[in-house]
Every structure is written in C-alpha cells, then in structure tokens.
N, C-alpha and C. Protein backbone atom coordinates (compact mmCIF):
# COMPACT_ATOMS: atom_id res chain seq x y z
N MET A 1 -3.96 -9.79 14.89
CA MET A 1 -3.25 -8.85 14.06
C MET A 1 -2.00 -9.54 13.51
N HIS A 2 -1.74 -9.36 12.25
CA HIS A 2 -0.57 -9.95 11.59
C HIS A 2 0.68 -9.19 11.98
N THR A 3 1.67 -9.91 12.43
CA THR A 3 2.93 -9.27 12.77
C THR A 3 3.94 -9.51 11.67
N ASN A 4 4.82 -8.61 11.52
CA ASN A 4 5.82 -8.67 10.46
C ASN A 4 7.03 -9.46 10.94
N PRO A 5 7.38 -10.60 10.31
CA PRO A 5 8.50 -11.39 10.80
C PRO A 5 9.86 -10.76 10.48
N HIS A 6 9.98 -9.95 9.46
CA HIS A 6 11.26 -9.36 9.07
C HIS A 6 11.13 -7.86 8.84
N PRO A 7 10.87 -7.07 9.90
CA PRO A 7 10.67 -5.64 9.70
C PRO A 7 11.93 -4.92 9.24
N THR A 8 13.10 -5.45 9.58
CA THR A 8 14.33 -4.76 9.18
C THR A 8 14.57 -4.86 7.68
N ARG A 9 13.99 -5.85 7.02
CA ARG A 9 14.12 -5.97 5.56
C ARG A 9 13.06 -5.15 4.83
N ILE A 10 11.87 -5.10 5.39
CA ILE A 10 10.75 -4.47 4.71
C ILE A 10 10.78 -2.95 4.84
N ALA A 11 11.10 -2.43 6.00
CA ALA A 11 11.03 -0.98 6.23
C ALA A 11 11.90 -0.18 5.26
N PRO A 12 13.17 -0.51 5.03
CA PRO A 12 13.95 0.29 4.07
C PRO A 12 13.41 0.20 2.65
N ARG A 13 12.96 -0.98 2.24
CA ARG A 13 12.39 -1.12 0.89
C ARG A 13 11.10 -0.32 0.76
N PHE A 14 10.28 -0.37 1.80
CA PHE A 14 9.03 0.39 1.77
C PHE A 14 9.30 1.89 1.71
N LEU A 15 10.21 2.36 2.54
CA LEU A 15 10.52 3.79 2.56
C LEU A 15 11.13 4.25 1.24
N ALA A 16 12.00 3.42 0.65
CA ALA A 16 12.59 3.77 -0.65
C ALA A 16 11.54 3.81 -1.75
N SER A 17 10.66 2.81 -1.77
CA SER A 17 9.63 2.81 -2.81
C SER A 17 8.64 3.96 -2.61
N ASN A 18 8.33 4.29 -1.37
CA ASN A 18 7.44 5.41 -1.10
C ASN A 18 8.08 6.72 -1.54
N ALA A 19 9.36 6.89 -1.24
CA ALA A 19 10.06 8.12 -1.63
C ALA A 19 10.15 8.25 -3.15
N LEU A 20 10.45 7.15 -3.83
CA LEU A 20 10.54 7.20 -5.29
C LEU A 20 9.18 7.48 -5.93
N SER A 21 8.14 6.93 -5.37
CA SER A 21 6.80 7.18 -5.91
C SER A 21 6.41 8.64 -5.73
N LEU A 22 6.65 9.17 -4.54
CA LEU A 22 6.34 10.58 -4.30
C LEU A 22 7.18 11.49 -5.19
N LEU A 23 8.44 11.14 -5.38
CA LEU A 23 9.31 11.93 -6.25
C LEU A 23 8.79 11.91 -7.68
N GLY A 24 8.42 10.74 -8.17
CA GLY A 24 7.90 10.63 -9.52
C GLY A 24 6.60 11.38 -9.72
N ASN A 25 5.69 11.28 -8.75
CA ASN A 25 4.42 12.01 -8.84
C ASN A 25 4.64 13.52 -8.83
N SER A 26 5.57 13.97 -8.00
CA SER A 26 5.85 15.40 -7.92
C SER A 26 6.49 15.93 -9.18
N ILE A 27 7.43 15.17 -9.72
CA ILE A 27 8.09 15.59 -10.95
C ILE A 27 7.08 15.63 -12.10
N ALA A 28 6.22 14.63 -12.17
CA ALA A 28 5.21 14.61 -13.24
C ALA A 28 4.24 15.78 -13.12
N ALA A 29 3.86 16.12 -11.89
CA ALA A 29 2.92 17.23 -11.69
C ALA A 29 3.53 18.56 -12.13
N VAL A 30 4.84 18.70 -11.99
CA VAL A 30 5.50 19.94 -12.40
C VAL A 30 5.89 19.88 -13.88
N ALA A 31 6.38 18.74 -14.31
CA ALA A 31 6.93 18.64 -15.67
C ALA A 31 5.86 18.65 -16.76
N LEU A 32 4.72 18.06 -16.51
CA LEU A 32 3.69 17.98 -17.55
C LEU A 32 3.24 19.37 -18.03
N PRO A 33 2.90 20.30 -17.13
CA PRO A 33 2.57 21.64 -17.63
C PRO A 33 3.76 22.35 -18.29
N LEU A 34 4.98 22.08 -17.80
CA LEU A 34 6.14 22.71 -18.42
C LEU A 34 6.41 22.16 -19.81
N ILE A 35 6.19 20.88 -20.01
CA ILE A 35 6.35 20.29 -21.35
C ILE A 35 5.30 20.87 -22.29
N LEU A 36 4.08 21.03 -21.79
CA LEU A 36 3.03 21.65 -22.60
C LEU A 36 3.40 23.08 -22.96
N LEU A 37 3.94 23.82 -22.00
CA LEU A 37 4.36 25.20 -22.26
C LEU A 37 5.48 25.23 -23.30
N ALA A 38 6.43 24.32 -23.21
CA ALA A 38 7.52 24.28 -24.19
C ALA A 38 7.02 23.85 -25.56
N THR A 39 6.03 22.98 -25.59
CA THR A 39 5.51 22.47 -26.86
C THR A 39 4.63 23.50 -27.57
N THR A 40 3.71 24.11 -26.82
CA THR A 40 2.74 25.02 -27.44
C THR A 40 3.09 26.49 -27.27
N GLY A 41 3.83 26.82 -26.23
CA GLY A 41 4.14 28.21 -25.96
C GLY A 41 2.99 28.96 -25.32
N ASP A 42 1.95 28.27 -24.92
CA ASP A 42 0.76 28.90 -24.35
C ASP A 42 0.76 28.72 -22.83
N ALA A 43 0.99 29.80 -22.09
CA ALA A 43 1.03 29.74 -20.63
C ALA A 43 -0.35 29.45 -20.05
N LEU A 44 -1.40 29.97 -20.68
CA LEU A 44 -2.75 29.70 -20.20
C LEU A 44 -3.08 28.21 -20.29
N ALA A 45 -2.64 27.56 -21.35
CA ALA A 45 -2.87 26.12 -21.49
C ALA A 45 -2.13 25.34 -20.41
N ALA A 46 -0.92 25.77 -20.07
CA ALA A 46 -0.16 25.08 -19.03
C ALA A 46 -0.85 25.20 -17.68
N GLY A 47 -1.35 26.39 -17.35
CA GLY A 47 -2.07 26.57 -16.10
C GLY A 47 -3.38 25.81 -16.07
N THR A 48 -4.06 25.80 -17.20
CA THR A 48 -5.32 25.06 -17.30
C THR A 48 -5.07 23.57 -17.11
N LEU A 49 -4.00 23.07 -17.69
CA LEU A 49 -3.66 21.65 -17.54
C LEU A 49 -3.39 21.31 -16.08
N ALA A 50 -2.66 22.16 -15.39
CA ALA A 50 -2.38 21.91 -13.97
C ALA A 50 -3.67 21.88 -13.16
N LEU A 51 -4.60 22.77 -13.47
CA LEU A 51 -5.88 22.79 -12.77
C LEU A 51 -6.73 21.57 -13.12
N ILE A 52 -6.76 21.22 -14.38
CA ILE A 52 -7.55 20.07 -14.82
C ILE A 52 -7.05 18.78 -14.17
N CYS A 53 -5.75 18.68 -13.97
CA CYS A 53 -5.19 17.47 -13.35
C CYS A 53 -5.35 17.45 -11.84
N ALA A 54 -5.48 18.61 -11.21
CA ALA A 54 -5.58 18.66 -9.75
C ALA A 54 -7.01 18.42 -9.25
N VAL A 55 -7.99 18.94 -9.95
CA VAL A 55 -9.38 18.84 -9.47
C VAL A 55 -9.88 17.40 -9.39
N PRO A 56 -9.65 16.54 -10.40
CA PRO A 56 -10.16 15.17 -10.29
C PRO A 56 -9.52 14.35 -9.17
N GLN A 57 -8.38 14.80 -8.66
CA GLN A 57 -7.76 14.05 -7.57
C GLN A 57 -8.64 14.03 -6.33
N MET A 58 -9.44 15.06 -6.12
CA MET A 58 -10.37 15.06 -4.99
C MET A 58 -11.42 13.97 -5.16
N ILE A 59 -11.95 13.84 -6.35
CA ILE A 59 -12.98 12.84 -6.61
C ILE A 59 -12.39 11.43 -6.56
N ILE A 60 -11.23 11.29 -7.17
CA ILE A 60 -10.56 9.99 -7.16
C ILE A 60 -10.17 9.59 -5.74
N GLY A 61 -9.87 10.58 -4.90
CA GLY A 61 -9.53 10.28 -3.51
C GLY A 61 -10.67 9.63 -2.76
N ILE A 62 -11.89 10.06 -3.02
CA ILE A 62 -13.06 9.47 -2.36
C ILE A 62 -13.28 8.04 -2.86
N VAL A 63 -13.24 7.87 -4.16
CA VAL A 63 -13.44 6.53 -4.74
C VAL A 63 -12.29 5.61 -4.35
N GLY A 64 -11.08 6.14 -4.38
CA GLY A 64 -9.91 5.33 -4.01
C GLY A 64 -9.93 4.92 -2.55
N GLY A 65 -10.45 5.79 -1.68
CA GLY A 65 -10.56 5.43 -0.27
C GLY A 65 -11.51 4.27 -0.05
N ALA A 66 -12.60 4.26 -0.80
CA ALA A 66 -13.53 3.13 -0.70
C ALA A 66 -12.89 1.85 -1.24
N ALA A 67 -12.09 1.99 -2.29
CA ALA A 67 -11.42 0.81 -2.84
C ALA A 67 -10.38 0.26 -1.86
N LEU A 68 -9.73 1.14 -1.10
CA LEU A 68 -8.75 0.68 -0.12
C LEU A 68 -9.38 -0.16 0.97
N ASP A 69 -10.63 0.13 1.28
CA ASP A 69 -11.32 -0.66 2.30
C ASP A 69 -11.72 -2.04 1.78
N ARG A 70 -11.83 -2.19 0.49
CA ARG A 70 -12.30 -3.46 -0.10
C ARG A 70 -11.18 -4.35 -0.65
N PHE A 71 -10.08 -3.76 -1.09
CA PHE A 71 -9.04 -4.53 -1.77
C PHE A 71 -7.72 -4.43 -1.01
N ASN A 72 -6.77 -5.22 -1.44
CA ASN A 72 -5.45 -5.27 -0.83
C ASN A 72 -4.72 -3.95 -1.07
N ARG A 73 -4.25 -3.34 0.01
CA ARG A 73 -3.59 -2.04 -0.10
C ARG A 73 -2.28 -2.11 -0.87
N ARG A 74 -1.57 -3.19 -0.72
CA ARG A 74 -0.31 -3.34 -1.45
C ARG A 74 -0.57 -3.41 -2.95
N ASP A 75 -1.59 -4.15 -3.35
CA ASP A 75 -1.92 -4.24 -4.78
C ASP A 75 -2.37 -2.89 -5.34
N ILE A 76 -3.15 -2.14 -4.55
CA ILE A 76 -3.59 -0.83 -5.00
C ILE A 76 -2.40 0.12 -5.13
N SER A 77 -1.46 0.04 -4.20
CA SER A 77 -0.27 0.88 -4.27
C SER A 77 0.54 0.58 -5.53
N ILE A 78 0.73 -0.68 -5.82
CA ILE A 78 1.50 -1.07 -7.01
C ILE A 78 0.75 -0.69 -8.28
N LEU A 79 -0.54 -0.96 -8.32
CA LEU A 79 -1.34 -0.63 -9.50
C LEU A 79 -1.36 0.88 -9.76
N SER A 80 -1.51 1.65 -8.71
CA SER A 80 -1.55 3.11 -8.90
C SER A 80 -0.20 3.65 -9.38
N ASP A 81 0.90 3.08 -8.91
CA ASP A 81 2.21 3.50 -9.41
C ASP A 81 2.40 3.11 -10.87
N LEU A 82 1.88 1.95 -11.25
CA LEU A 82 1.97 1.54 -12.66
C LEU A 82 1.14 2.46 -13.55
N VAL A 83 -0.03 2.86 -13.08
CA VAL A 83 -0.87 3.78 -13.86
C VAL A 83 -0.18 5.13 -14.01
N SER A 84 0.39 5.64 -12.92
CA SER A 84 1.09 6.93 -12.98
C SER A 84 2.32 6.85 -13.88
N ALA A 85 3.08 5.77 -13.77
CA ALA A 85 4.27 5.62 -14.60
C ALA A 85 3.91 5.45 -16.07
N SER A 86 2.81 4.76 -16.35
CA SER A 86 2.42 4.59 -17.75
C SER A 86 2.00 5.91 -18.38
N SER A 87 1.39 6.80 -17.59
CA SER A 87 1.00 8.10 -18.14
C SER A 87 2.23 8.91 -18.54
N VAL A 88 3.30 8.81 -17.79
CA VAL A 88 4.53 9.53 -18.14
C VAL A 88 5.24 8.82 -19.30
N ALA A 89 5.23 7.50 -19.29
CA ALA A 89 5.91 6.75 -20.36
C ALA A 89 5.21 6.91 -21.70
N LEU A 90 3.92 7.21 -21.69
CA LEU A 90 3.18 7.38 -22.95
C LEU A 90 3.43 8.73 -23.62
N ILE A 91 4.02 9.68 -22.92
CA ILE A 91 4.26 11.00 -23.52
C ILE A 91 5.12 10.90 -24.78
N PRO A 92 6.30 10.27 -24.74
CA PRO A 92 7.08 10.20 -25.99
C PRO A 92 6.44 9.30 -27.05
N VAL A 93 5.71 8.27 -26.62
CA VAL A 93 5.05 7.38 -27.58
C VAL A 93 3.97 8.15 -28.35
N VAL A 94 3.14 8.88 -27.62
CA VAL A 94 2.09 9.67 -28.26
C VAL A 94 2.70 10.74 -29.15
N ASP A 95 3.79 11.34 -28.71
CA ASP A 95 4.44 12.38 -29.50
C ASP A 95 4.98 11.81 -30.82
N MET A 96 5.53 10.61 -30.78
CA MET A 96 6.06 10.01 -32.00
C MET A 96 4.95 9.56 -32.94
N LEU A 97 3.86 9.03 -32.41
CA LEU A 97 2.81 8.48 -33.26
C LEU A 97 1.84 9.53 -33.78
N TRP A 98 1.36 10.42 -32.91
CA TRP A 98 0.31 11.35 -33.31
C TRP A 98 0.70 12.82 -33.12
N GLY A 99 1.69 13.08 -32.34
CA GLY A 99 2.04 14.45 -32.01
C GLY A 99 1.25 14.92 -30.80
N LEU A 100 1.93 15.58 -29.88
CA LEU A 100 1.27 16.04 -28.66
C LEU A 100 0.51 17.33 -28.90
N ASN A 101 -0.69 17.38 -28.40
CA ASN A 101 -1.48 18.61 -28.38
C ASN A 101 -2.14 18.71 -27.01
N PHE A 102 -2.92 19.74 -26.81
CA PHE A 102 -3.53 19.97 -25.50
C PHE A 102 -4.41 18.79 -25.07
N GLY A 103 -5.15 18.21 -25.97
CA GLY A 103 -6.02 17.08 -25.64
C GLY A 103 -5.24 15.89 -25.12
N TRP A 104 -4.11 15.58 -25.76
CA TRP A 104 -3.29 14.47 -25.29
C TRP A 104 -2.70 14.76 -23.92
N PHE A 105 -2.27 16.00 -23.69
CA PHE A 105 -1.74 16.35 -22.37
C PHE A 105 -2.80 16.20 -21.29
N VAL A 106 -4.02 16.60 -21.59
CA VAL A 106 -5.11 16.45 -20.62
C VAL A 106 -5.37 14.97 -20.35
N ALA A 107 -5.43 14.17 -21.40
CA ALA A 107 -5.70 12.73 -21.23
C ALA A 107 -4.60 12.06 -20.40
N LEU A 108 -3.35 12.36 -20.72
CA LEU A 108 -2.25 11.74 -19.98
C LEU A 108 -2.15 12.29 -18.56
N GLY A 109 -2.45 13.56 -18.38
CA GLY A 109 -2.45 14.14 -17.04
C GLY A 109 -3.53 13.55 -16.17
N LEU A 110 -4.71 13.34 -16.73
CA LEU A 110 -5.80 12.71 -15.97
C LEU A 110 -5.49 11.26 -15.65
N LEU A 111 -4.85 10.56 -16.58
CA LEU A 111 -4.45 9.18 -16.31
C LEU A 111 -3.47 9.12 -15.14
N GLY A 112 -2.52 10.04 -15.11
CA GLY A 112 -1.57 10.08 -14.00
C GLY A 112 -2.23 10.48 -12.70
N ALA A 113 -3.20 11.38 -12.77
CA ALA A 113 -3.89 11.84 -11.55
C ALA A 113 -4.73 10.73 -10.93
N ILE A 114 -5.20 9.82 -11.76
CA ILE A 114 -6.02 8.71 -11.24
C ILE A 114 -5.21 7.86 -10.26
N GLY A 115 -3.93 7.69 -10.52
CA GLY A 115 -3.12 6.83 -9.66
C GLY A 115 -2.49 7.49 -8.47
N ASP A 116 -2.41 8.81 -8.44
CA ASP A 116 -1.63 9.47 -7.39
C ASP A 116 -2.23 9.32 -5.99
N ILE A 117 -3.44 9.77 -5.79
CA ILE A 117 -4.04 9.82 -4.45
C ILE A 117 -4.31 8.43 -3.87
N PRO A 118 -4.92 7.49 -4.60
CA PRO A 118 -5.10 6.16 -4.01
C PRO A 118 -3.78 5.49 -3.66
N GLY A 119 -2.75 5.72 -4.47
CA GLY A 119 -1.45 5.12 -4.17
C GLY A 119 -0.83 5.69 -2.91
N MET A 120 -0.91 7.00 -2.74
CA MET A 120 -0.37 7.63 -1.53
C MET A 120 -1.14 7.18 -0.29
N THR A 121 -2.44 7.08 -0.41
CA THR A 121 -3.25 6.64 0.72
C THR A 121 -2.96 5.18 1.06
N ALA A 122 -2.79 4.35 0.05
CA ALA A 122 -2.48 2.93 0.30
C ALA A 122 -1.13 2.79 0.99
N ARG A 123 -0.14 3.57 0.56
CA ARG A 123 1.18 3.50 1.20
C ARG A 123 1.11 4.00 2.63
N ASP A 124 0.32 5.02 2.90
CA ASP A 124 0.15 5.48 4.28
C ASP A 124 -0.50 4.41 5.14
N ALA A 125 -1.45 3.68 4.58
CA ALA A 125 -2.11 2.61 5.33
C ALA A 125 -1.19 1.41 5.55
N LEU A 126 -0.20 1.24 4.68
CA LEU A 126 0.75 0.13 4.83
C LEU A 126 1.86 0.43 5.82
N LEU A 127 2.05 1.66 6.19
CA LEU A 127 3.17 2.05 7.05
C LEU A 127 3.22 1.31 8.38
N PRO A 128 2.11 1.12 9.11
CA PRO A 128 2.22 0.40 10.39
C PRO A 128 2.73 -1.04 10.25
N ALA A 129 2.54 -1.65 9.12
CA ALA A 129 3.01 -3.04 8.93
C ALA A 129 4.52 -3.11 8.82
N THR A 130 5.19 -1.98 8.63
CA THR A 130 6.65 -2.00 8.47
C THR A 130 7.39 -1.85 9.79
N ARG A 131 6.69 -1.52 10.84
CA ARG A 131 7.38 -1.32 12.12
C ARG A 131 7.59 -2.66 12.82
N PRO A 132 8.67 -2.77 13.57
CA PRO A 132 8.90 -4.02 14.31
C PRO A 132 7.91 -4.15 15.46
N THR A 133 7.60 -5.37 15.82
CA THR A 133 6.70 -5.60 16.95
C THR A 133 7.50 -5.47 18.23
N CYS A 134 6.91 -4.85 19.21
CA CYS A 134 7.56 -4.71 20.50
C CYS A 134 6.48 -4.67 21.58
N SER A 135 6.90 -4.69 22.82
CA SER A 135 5.94 -4.73 23.91
C SER A 135 5.38 -3.36 24.23
N VAL A 136 6.03 -2.30 23.78
CA VAL A 136 5.57 -0.95 24.08
C VAL A 136 4.74 -0.45 22.90
N SER A 137 3.53 -0.02 23.20
CA SER A 137 2.65 0.49 22.17
C SER A 137 3.05 1.91 21.81
N TRP A 138 2.83 2.29 20.56
CA TRP A 138 3.11 3.66 20.13
C TRP A 138 2.14 4.62 20.77
N ASP A 139 1.01 4.12 21.25
CA ASP A 139 -0.01 4.97 21.86
C ASP A 139 0.20 5.13 23.36
N SER A 140 1.16 4.42 23.94
CA SER A 140 1.37 4.50 25.37
C SER A 140 2.11 5.78 25.72
N PRO A 141 1.95 6.25 26.96
CA PRO A 141 2.69 7.45 27.37
C PRO A 141 4.18 7.16 27.40
N SER A 142 4.96 8.20 27.50
CA SER A 142 6.41 8.03 27.49
C SER A 142 6.85 7.23 28.72
N ARG A 143 8.07 6.74 28.66
CA ARG A 143 8.59 5.91 29.75
C ARG A 143 8.98 6.75 30.96
N SER A 144 9.05 8.04 30.77
CA SER A 144 9.44 8.91 31.87
C SER A 144 8.38 8.88 32.95
N THR A 145 8.82 8.91 34.20
CA THR A 145 7.87 8.90 35.31
C THR A 145 7.51 10.31 35.74
N ARG A 146 8.18 11.30 35.16
CA ARG A 146 7.88 12.68 35.53
C ARG A 146 6.64 13.16 34.80
N SER A 147 5.95 14.08 35.42
CA SER A 147 4.80 14.70 34.78
C SER A 147 5.29 15.68 33.73
N PRO A 148 4.50 15.93 32.70
CA PRO A 148 4.92 16.92 31.71
C PRO A 148 4.94 18.31 32.32
N PRO A 149 5.72 19.21 31.76
CA PRO A 149 5.75 20.57 32.30
C PRO A 149 4.40 21.26 32.12
N SER A 150 4.15 22.24 32.94
CA SER A 150 2.85 22.91 32.91
C SER A 150 2.75 23.93 31.79
N TRP A 151 3.85 24.29 31.13
CA TRP A 151 3.86 25.25 30.04
C TRP A 151 3.22 26.58 30.41
N GLY A 152 3.56 27.05 31.59
CA GLY A 152 3.09 28.37 31.99
C GLY A 152 1.76 28.37 32.71
N ARG A 153 1.10 27.22 32.79
CA ARG A 153 -0.17 27.16 33.51
C ARG A 153 0.11 26.88 34.98
N PRO A 154 -0.65 27.46 35.86
CA PRO A 154 -0.43 27.18 37.28
C PRO A 154 -0.80 25.73 37.59
N SER A 155 0.00 25.12 38.42
CA SER A 155 -0.23 23.74 38.80
C SER A 155 -0.95 23.68 40.13
N ARG A 156 -1.72 22.63 40.33
CA ARG A 156 -2.40 22.46 41.62
C ARG A 156 -1.43 21.95 42.66
N ARG A 157 -0.38 21.27 42.19
CA ARG A 157 0.61 20.73 43.12
C ARG A 157 1.75 21.72 43.26
N SER A 158 2.48 21.57 44.32
CA SER A 158 3.66 22.42 44.50
C SER A 158 4.72 21.98 43.51
N SER A 159 5.69 22.83 43.27
CA SER A 159 6.72 22.52 42.28
C SER A 159 7.54 21.31 42.68
N SER A 160 7.75 21.09 43.98
CA SER A 160 8.52 19.92 44.40
C SER A 160 7.71 18.64 44.23
N ALA A 161 6.41 18.70 44.44
CA ALA A 161 5.56 17.52 44.29
C ALA A 161 5.33 17.18 42.82
N ARG A 162 5.44 18.18 41.94
CA ARG A 162 5.21 17.95 40.53
C ARG A 162 6.25 16.99 39.94
N TRP A 163 7.49 17.11 40.36
CA TRP A 163 8.55 16.31 39.79
C TRP A 163 8.85 15.06 40.61
N ALA A 164 8.21 14.89 41.68
CA ALA A 164 8.41 13.68 42.49
C ALA A 164 7.47 12.61 42.01
N ALA A 165 8.00 11.48 41.69
CA ALA A 165 7.16 10.36 41.29
C ALA A 165 8.03 9.22 40.87
C-alpha cells in the first residue's frame, strides 16, 4: 500500500478543493433553474430543467463508478471538475453568441451533471490517501480497556466485573 510522505500538506489542500467543488456543484444545481426562470419567466421550465439534470446523474453514477475502477481517481476528479466548471462558464458565452433558451439550458445542465457524481465519488475514494500513516488502524477498537456500556440491556456480568479490566 502506498503511504503518503507529506499528509500535513495534502490534507488541507484536498479538503479545500473538495469543499470548493461541492460548493460549485451545489450553486450550479440551484442557480441554473433560477437563471432559466429569470430568463424565460416559466416556472414549469425551471422545474423541468432541475428534473432533467438530476435523473441522468443516476446513470452517470453507474458508468462513472466503473471508470473509477479502471482509471486514476485523481485524474477523474480533476476532469469532472473541469467539465462541471466549463458548463457554468459556457452560460454567458452561449448567451452572447446565440441567446439562451430552454434547449441550451438543458444541454449545459446535462454537461454539468456528467461531471458531478463521478467527481464526488473519486474524491471520496481519494480521502484515505490524505490521512497520515500511524500504527493504529482506523478499524481497531478504541484504546479504552473498559467494555462499552450495555445501553439498558442486562449484562451477564455483574456491574463491578463489567468495568474491571
């Protein structure tokens, strides 16, 4: 298993990039239907756009999960963020060149949705690489020598024997 030589440098950068990516994806998911509503004035179109962008994420999640098993997770995370960012950056470009309509909003929303789920999954898979290596496993029981409380269940041992150890 590859160990991280500088976890104190990588963890804050990873957490900051993860937070910024999630913030950007969340803002785009809320802002895109609101921009459509402000542009067209049609509330049904805004709701339809939100639905159209959410449903393909389930399908992309399955395909993206298979891609995570085959390719570098860091590269997929970066690529998916670039795809999501390009979908938001293209909104003013499309508006200046052709004018925004419902079709353009759907196309740009789907482009952004393609990058969201694989990127989040890749960042979740990268999280263990950011922790420092130590002799205690995260899966090991706590360092306490006491038994856990019974939480209201009767114990087979006496109360004095339960805490002795």
